[in-house]
């Protein structure tokens, strides 16, 4: 997603990504999830890291999304 209006704000495992996406959607932020595992599987080869997903948000929503992600990470840390 280079040269686009979307910026990567997080990368991590499936479970954490799902939680963050839910929190972003609750605040009316639309995010895009890039799943290297699924992309590699569909293309016929495996990814370098299984279960890794990336979250991208529109640059206009970057500040709000970053704040939500930071709060979510604080909540789920042991």
C-alpha atoms as a PDB file:
ATOM      1  CA  UNK A   1       0.000   0.000   0.000  1.00  0.00           C
ATOM      2  CA  UNK A   2       2.805   2.357  -0.774  1.00  0.00           C
ATOM      3  CA  UNK A   3       1.952   5.745  -2.287  1.00  0.00           C
ATOM      4  CA  UNK A   4      -1.581   5.547  -0.993  1.00  0.00           C
ATOM      5  CA  UNK A   5      -3.671   7.392   1.521  1.00  0.00           C
ATOM      6  CA  UNK A   6      -3.483   4.446   3.915  1.00  0.00           C
ATOM      7  CA  UNK A   7      -0.847   4.101   6.618  1.00  0.00           C
ATOM      8  CA  UNK A   8       0.131   0.971   8.540  1.00  0.00           C
ATOM      9  CA  UNK A   9      -0.686   1.461  12.208  1.00  0.00           C
ATOM     10  CA  UNK A  10      -0.255  -2.023  13.640  1.00  0.00           C
ATOM     11  CA  UNK A  11       1.011  -5.502  12.894  1.00  0.00           C
ATOM     12  CA  UNK A  12       0.473  -8.505  15.080  1.00  0.00           C
ATOM     13  CA  UNK A  13      -1.315 -11.776  15.526  1.00  0.00           C
ATOM     14  CA  UNK A  14      -4.858 -12.526  14.416  1.00  0.00           C
ATOM     15  CA  UNK A  15      -6.493 -12.279  17.849  1.00  0.00           C
ATOM     16  CA  UNK A  16      -5.079  -8.859  18.716  1.00  0.00           C
ATOM     17  CA  UNK A  17      -5.862  -7.548  15.230  1.00  0.00           C
ATOM     18  CA  UNK A  18      -9.494  -8.657  15.563  1.00  0.00           C
ATOM     19  CA  UNK A  19      -9.785  -6.829  18.896  1.00  0.00           C
ATOM     20  CA  UNK A  20      -8.261  -3.642  17.478  1.00  0.00           C
ATOM     21  CA  UNK A  21     -10.486  -3.769  14.397  1.00  0.00           C
ATOM     22  CA  UNK A  22     -13.528  -4.092  16.651  1.00  0.00           C
ATOM     23  CA  UNK A  23     -12.422  -1.095  18.736  1.00  0.00           C
ATOM     24  CA  UNK A  24     -11.775   0.976  15.600  1.00  0.00           C
ATOM     25  CA  UNK A  25     -15.167   0.079  14.114  1.00  0.00           C
ATOM     26  CA  UNK A  26     -16.856   1.108  17.382  1.00  0.00           C
ATOM     27  CA  UNK A  27     -15.407   4.581  16.741  1.00  0.00           C
ATOM     28  CA  UNK A  28     -16.472   4.608  13.061  1.00  0.00           C
ATOM     29  CA  UNK A  29     -12.935   4.138  11.768  1.00  0.00           C
ATOM     30  CA  UNK A  30     -12.703   1.883   8.737  1.00  0.00           C
ATOM     31  CA  UNK A  31      -9.489  -0.104   8.677  1.00  0.00           C
ATOM     32  CA  UNK A  32      -7.955  -2.409   6.082  1.00  0.00           C
ATOM     33  CA  UNK A  33      -6.382  -5.680   7.209  1.00  0.00           C
ATOM     34  CA  UNK A  34      -3.586  -7.220   5.183  1.00  0.00           C
ATOM     35  CA  UNK A  35      -3.128 -10.911   5.911  1.00  0.00           C
ATOM     36  CA  UNK A  36       0.157 -12.271   4.534  1.00  0.00           C
ATOM     37  CA  UNK A  37      -0.756 -15.825   5.561  1.00  0.00           C
ATOM     38  CA  UNK A  38      -3.949 -15.850   3.522  1.00  0.00           C
ATOM     39  CA  UNK A  39      -2.378 -13.984   0.595  1.00  0.00           C
ATOM     40  CA  UNK A  40       0.465 -16.493   0.424  1.00  0.00           C
ATOM     41  CA  UNK A  41      -1.851 -19.456   0.686  1.00  0.00           C
ATOM     42  CA  UNK A  42      -4.038 -18.186  -2.140  1.00  0.00           C
ATOM     43  CA  UNK A  43      -0.990 -17.512  -4.311  1.00  0.00           C
ATOM     44  CA  UNK A  44       0.380 -21.003  -3.715  1.00  0.00           C
ATOM     45  CA  UNK A  45       3.270 -20.267  -1.385  1.00  0.00           C
ATOM     46  CA  UNK A  46       3.638 -19.776   2.337  1.00  0.00           C
ATOM     47  CA  UNK A  47       4.331 -16.539   4.197  1.00  0.00           C
ATOM     48  CA  UNK A  48       7.481 -15.853   6.149  1.00  0.00           C
ATOM     49  CA  UNK A  49       5.528 -15.410   9.414  1.00  0.00           C
ATOM     50  CA  UNK A  50       2.293 -17.301  10.068  1.00  0.00           C
ATOM     51  CA  UNK A  51      -0.605 -15.439  11.628  1.00  0.00           C
ATOM     52  CA  UNK A  52       0.860 -11.968  11.076  1.00  0.00           C
ATOM     53  CA  UNK A  53      -1.656  -9.358  10.017  1.00  0.00           C
ATOM     54  CA  UNK A  54      -1.269  -5.650   9.391  1.00  0.00           C
ATOM     55  CA  UNK A  55      -3.804  -2.882   9.978  1.00  0.00           C
ATOM     56  CA  UNK A  56      -3.940   0.176   7.743  1.00  0.00           C
ATOM     57  CA  UNK A  57      -6.082   3.281   8.257  1.00  0.00           C
ATOM     58  CA  UNK A  58      -6.737   6.328   6.122  1.00  0.00           C
ATOM     59  CA  UNK A  59      -4.312   9.134   6.866  1.00  0.00           C
ATOM     60  CA  UNK A  60      -7.209  11.390   7.913  1.00  0.00           C
ATOM     61  CA  UNK A  61      -8.033   8.951  10.734  1.00  0.00           C
ATOM     62  CA  UNK A  62      -4.443   8.279  11.804  1.00  0.00           C
ATOM     63  CA  UNK A  63      -4.422  10.274  15.042  1.00  0.00           C
ATOM     64  CA  UNK A  64      -7.705   8.827  16.337  1.00  0.00           C
ATOM     65  CA  UNK A  65      -6.736   5.285  15.313  1.00  0.00           C
ATOM     66  CA  UNK A  66      -3.329   5.519  16.987  1.00  0.00           C
ATOM     67  CA  UNK A  67      -4.920   6.615  20.251  1.00  0.00           C
ATOM     68  CA  UNK A  68      -7.435   3.744  20.146  1.00  0.00           C
ATOM     69  CA  UNK A  69      -4.706   1.193  19.374  1.00  0.00           C
ATOM     70  CA  UNK A  70      -2.561   2.439  22.255  1.00  0.00           C
ATOM     71  CA  UNK A  71      -5.503   2.140  24.670  1.00  0.00           C
ATOM     72  CA  UNK A  72      -6.359  -1.332  23.400  1.00  0.00           C
ATOM     73  CA  UNK A  73      -2.764  -2.484  23.840  1.00  0.00           C
ATOM     74  CA  UNK A  74      -2.756  -1.188  27.411  1.00  0.00           C
ATOM     75  CA  UNK A  75      -5.953  -3.120  28.157  1.00  0.00           C
ATOM     76  CA  UNK A  76      -4.695  -6.443  26.808  1.00  0.00           C
ATOM     77  CA  UNK A  77      -1.168  -6.367  28.232  1.00  0.00           C
ATOM     78  CA  UNK A  78      -0.689  -8.890  31.037  1.00  0.00           C
END
